[in-house]
Amino acid sequence: MQLTPEQLVSEFHDAVMELYFARKRIALLEADNAELTATIAAYAAAQTVAEPPAGDADRDGDGVGEAAESAA
């Protein structure tokens, strides 16, 4: 199939416009992704509970590790 010069220019213009809108969409998706990543990171940070140091278990459930109780 042979295209005329005008048809080639038209096809090229269409391709350029598709690329332009694809890049805009990609930028929007990247912004959404960054926002969701920050939201997930904040949620994960809020859900993280500090673990007591190894060997300092709270055996009696009072919220104070046994090593700290014996030092007091």
N, C-alpha and C. Protein backbone atom coordinates (compact mmCIF):
# COMPACT_ATOMS: atom_id res chain seq x y z
N MET A 1 0.85 -1.18 0.00
CA MET A 1 0.00 0.00 0.00
C MET A 1 0.89 1.24 0.00
N GLN A 2 0.71 2.09 -0.93
CA GLN A 2 1.47 3.33 -1.05
C GLN A 2 0.68 4.48 -0.43
N LEU A 3 1.35 5.26 0.41
CA LEU A 3 0.70 6.43 0.99
C LEU A 3 1.23 7.68 0.29
N THR A 4 0.34 8.61 0.14
CA THR A 4 0.76 9.89 -0.45
C THR A 4 1.52 10.67 0.62
N PRO A 5 2.28 11.66 0.23
CA PRO A 5 2.98 12.48 1.23
C PRO A 5 2.02 13.09 2.26
N GLU A 6 0.84 13.50 1.84
CA GLU A 6 -0.14 14.07 2.78
C GLU A 6 -0.61 13.01 3.77
N GLN A 7 -0.81 11.79 3.30
CA GLN A 7 -1.23 10.71 4.20
C GLN A 7 -0.12 10.37 5.19
N LEU A 8 1.13 10.37 4.72
CA LEU A 8 2.25 10.12 5.62
C LEU A 8 2.33 11.18 6.71
N VAL A 9 2.15 12.43 6.32
CA VAL A 9 2.17 13.53 7.30
C VAL A 9 1.03 13.35 8.29
N SER A 10 -0.13 12.99 7.79
CA SER A 10 -1.29 12.79 8.66
C SER A 10 -1.05 11.63 9.64
N GLU A 11 -0.49 10.52 9.16
CA GLU A 11 -0.18 9.39 10.03
C GLU A 11 0.86 9.78 11.09
N PHE A 12 1.86 10.53 10.67
CA PHE A 12 2.89 10.98 11.60
C PHE A 12 2.29 11.88 12.67
N HIS A 13 1.43 12.79 12.24
CA HIS A 13 0.77 13.71 13.19
C HIS A 13 -0.06 12.90 14.19
N ASP A 14 -0.80 11.91 13.71
CA ASP A 14 -1.59 11.08 14.62
C ASP A 14 -0.71 10.36 15.63
N ALA A 15 0.41 9.84 15.16
CA ALA A 15 1.32 9.13 16.06
C ALA A 15 1.90 10.08 17.11
N VAL A 16 2.25 11.29 16.70
CA VAL A 16 2.79 12.27 17.63
C VAL A 16 1.74 12.64 18.68
N MET A 17 0.50 12.81 18.27
CA MET A 17 -0.57 13.16 19.21
C MET A 17 -0.82 12.01 20.19
N GLU A 18 -0.80 10.77 19.69
CA GLU A 18 -0.97 9.62 20.59
C GLU A 18 0.16 9.58 21.61
N LEU A 19 1.37 9.83 21.18
CA LEU A 19 2.51 9.84 22.09
C LEU A 19 2.37 10.95 23.12
N TYR A 20 1.93 12.11 22.70
CA TYR A 20 1.74 13.25 23.61
C TYR A 20 0.75 12.89 24.72
N PHE A 21 -0.40 12.34 24.33
CA PHE A 21 -1.41 12.00 25.34
C PHE A 21 -0.99 10.81 26.20
N ALA A 22 -0.23 9.88 25.62
CA ALA A 22 0.27 8.76 26.41
C ALA A 22 1.24 9.26 27.49
N ARG A 23 2.10 10.21 27.12
CA ARG A 23 3.03 10.77 28.10
C ARG A 23 2.30 11.52 29.22
N LYS A 24 1.24 12.24 28.87
CA LYS A 24 0.46 12.93 29.90
C LYS A 24 -0.17 11.91 30.84
N ARG A 25 -0.70 10.84 30.28
CA ARG A 25 -1.34 9.79 31.10
C ARG A 25 -0.31 9.12 32.00
N ILE A 26 0.88 8.86 31.46
CA ILE A 26 1.95 8.26 32.26
C ILE A 26 2.31 9.17 33.44
N ALA A 27 2.41 10.46 33.19
CA ALA A 27 2.74 11.40 34.27
C ALA A 27 1.66 11.37 35.36
N LEU A 28 0.41 11.31 34.97
CA LEU A 28 -0.68 11.24 35.95
C LEU A 28 -0.61 9.94 36.74
N LEU A 29 -0.35 8.83 36.06
CA LEU A 29 -0.25 7.55 36.74
C LEU A 29 0.94 7.50 37.69
N GLU A 30 2.05 8.11 37.30
CA GLU A 30 3.21 8.17 38.19
C GLU A 30 2.90 8.98 39.44
N ALA A 31 2.16 10.07 39.28
CA ALA A 31 1.78 10.88 40.44
C ALA A 31 0.85 10.09 41.36
N ASP A 32 -0.12 9.40 40.78
CA ASP A 32 -1.02 8.56 41.58
C ASP A 32 -0.24 7.47 42.31
N ASN A 33 0.71 6.87 41.61
CA ASN A 33 1.52 5.81 42.20
C ASN A 33 2.33 6.35 43.38
N ALA A 34 2.92 7.52 43.23
CA ALA A 34 3.70 8.11 44.32
C ALA A 34 2.81 8.40 45.52
N GLU A 35 1.62 8.90 45.27
CA GLU A 35 0.68 9.19 46.36
C GLU A 35 0.27 7.91 47.08
N LEU A 36 -0.05 6.86 46.32
CA LEU A 36 -0.44 5.59 46.93
C LEU A 36 0.72 4.96 47.70
N THR A 37 1.93 5.07 47.16
CA THR A 37 3.10 4.53 47.85
C THR A 37 3.30 5.24 49.18
N ALA A 38 3.14 6.56 49.19
CA ALA A 38 3.28 7.32 50.43
C ALA A 38 2.19 6.94 51.43
N THR A 39 0.99 6.74 50.95
CA THR A 39 -0.12 6.34 51.82
C THR A 39 0.15 4.97 52.43
N ILE A 40 0.61 4.03 51.63
CA ILE A 40 0.91 2.69 52.13
C ILE A 40 2.05 2.74 53.12
N ALA A 41 3.08 3.53 52.85
CA ALA A 41 4.21 3.64 53.77
C ALA A 41 3.77 4.23 55.10
N ALA A 42 2.91 5.24 55.06
CA ALA A 42 2.40 5.85 56.29
C ALA A 42 1.56 4.85 57.08
N TYR A 43 0.73 4.09 56.37
CA TYR A 43 -0.10 3.08 57.03
C TYR A 43 0.78 2.01 57.66
N ALA A 44 1.78 1.55 56.91
CA ALA A 44 2.67 0.50 57.44
C ALA A 44 3.44 1.01 58.65
N ALA A 45 3.87 2.26 58.61
CA ALA A 45 4.60 2.83 59.75
C ALA A 45 3.70 2.92 60.98
N ALA A 46 2.43 3.24 60.76
CA ALA A 46 1.50 3.34 61.88
C ALA A 46 1.18 1.97 62.47
N GLN A 47 1.27 0.92 61.65
CA GLN A 47 0.95 -0.43 62.11
C GLN A 47 2.14 -1.13 62.77
N THR A 48 3.33 -0.59 62.59
CA THR A 48 4.52 -1.22 63.14
C THR A 48 4.57 -1.01 64.64
N VAL A 49 4.75 -2.07 65.36
CA VAL A 49 4.84 -2.02 66.82
C VAL A 49 6.27 -2.34 67.18
N ALA A 50 6.84 -1.54 68.05
CA ALA A 50 8.22 -1.76 68.47
C ALA A 50 8.32 -3.07 69.23
N GLU A 51 9.26 -3.88 68.83
CA GLU A 51 9.50 -5.15 69.51
C GLU A 51 10.46 -4.91 70.67
N PRO A 52 10.28 -5.61 71.78
CA PRO A 52 11.24 -5.46 72.87
C PRO A 52 12.58 -6.05 72.45
N PRO A 53 13.65 -5.58 73.05
CA PRO A 53 14.96 -6.14 72.71
C PRO A 53 14.98 -7.64 72.99
N ALA A 54 15.80 -8.36 72.25
CA ALA A 54 15.91 -9.81 72.44
C ALA A 54 16.35 -10.10 73.88
N GLY A 55 15.72 -11.07 74.48
CA GLY A 55 16.06 -11.43 75.85
C GLY A 55 15.37 -10.56 76.89
N ASP A 56 14.56 -9.61 76.46
CA ASP A 56 13.87 -8.72 77.39
C ASP A 56 12.37 -8.92 77.23
N ALA A 57 11.92 -10.13 77.28
CA ALA A 57 10.51 -10.44 77.09
C ALA A 57 9.69 -9.95 78.27
N ASP A 58 8.46 -9.59 77.99
CA ASP A 58 7.51 -9.15 79.02
C ASP A 58 6.69 -10.38 79.40
N ARG A 59 7.19 -11.17 80.30
CA ARG A 59 6.55 -12.44 80.63
C ARG A 59 5.27 -12.27 81.46
N ASP A 60 5.22 -11.23 82.28
CA ASP A 60 4.05 -11.08 83.14
C ASP A 60 2.98 -10.15 82.56
N GLY A 61 3.21 -9.60 81.34
CA GLY A 61 2.18 -8.83 80.66
C GLY A 61 1.94 -7.44 81.19
N ASP A 62 2.86 -6.89 81.98
CA ASP A 62 2.64 -5.54 82.51
C ASP A 62 3.19 -4.44 81.62
N GLY A 63 3.75 -4.80 80.46
CA GLY A 63 4.26 -3.80 79.53
C GLY A 63 5.70 -3.42 79.78
N VAL A 64 6.32 -4.02 80.79
CA VAL A 64 7.71 -3.73 81.09
C VAL A 64 8.50 -5.02 80.93
N GLY A 65 9.61 -4.95 80.22
CA GLY A 65 10.45 -6.14 80.02
C GLY A 65 11.05 -6.62 81.33
N GLU A 66 11.31 -7.91 81.41
CA GLU A 66 11.82 -8.49 82.64
C GLU A 66 13.20 -7.94 83.00
N ALA A 67 14.04 -7.65 82.01
CA ALA A 67 15.36 -7.10 82.32
C ALA A 67 15.22 -5.73 82.97
N ALA A 68 14.26 -4.93 82.51
CA ALA A 68 14.04 -3.61 83.10
C ALA A 68 13.48 -3.73 84.51
N GLU A 69 12.62 -4.73 84.73
CA GLU A 69 12.04 -4.91 86.07
C GLU A 69 13.09 -5.35 87.06
N SER A 70 14.00 -6.22 86.64
CA SER A 70 15.00 -6.73 87.58
C SER A 70 16.06 -5.66 87.88
N ALA A 71 16.23 -4.70 86.96
CA ALA A 71 17.19 -3.62 87.19
C ALA A 71 16.63 -2.57 88.15
N ALA A 72 15.33 -2.51 88.29
CA ALA A 72 14.70 -1.48 89.11
C ALA A 72 14.69 -1.85 90.58
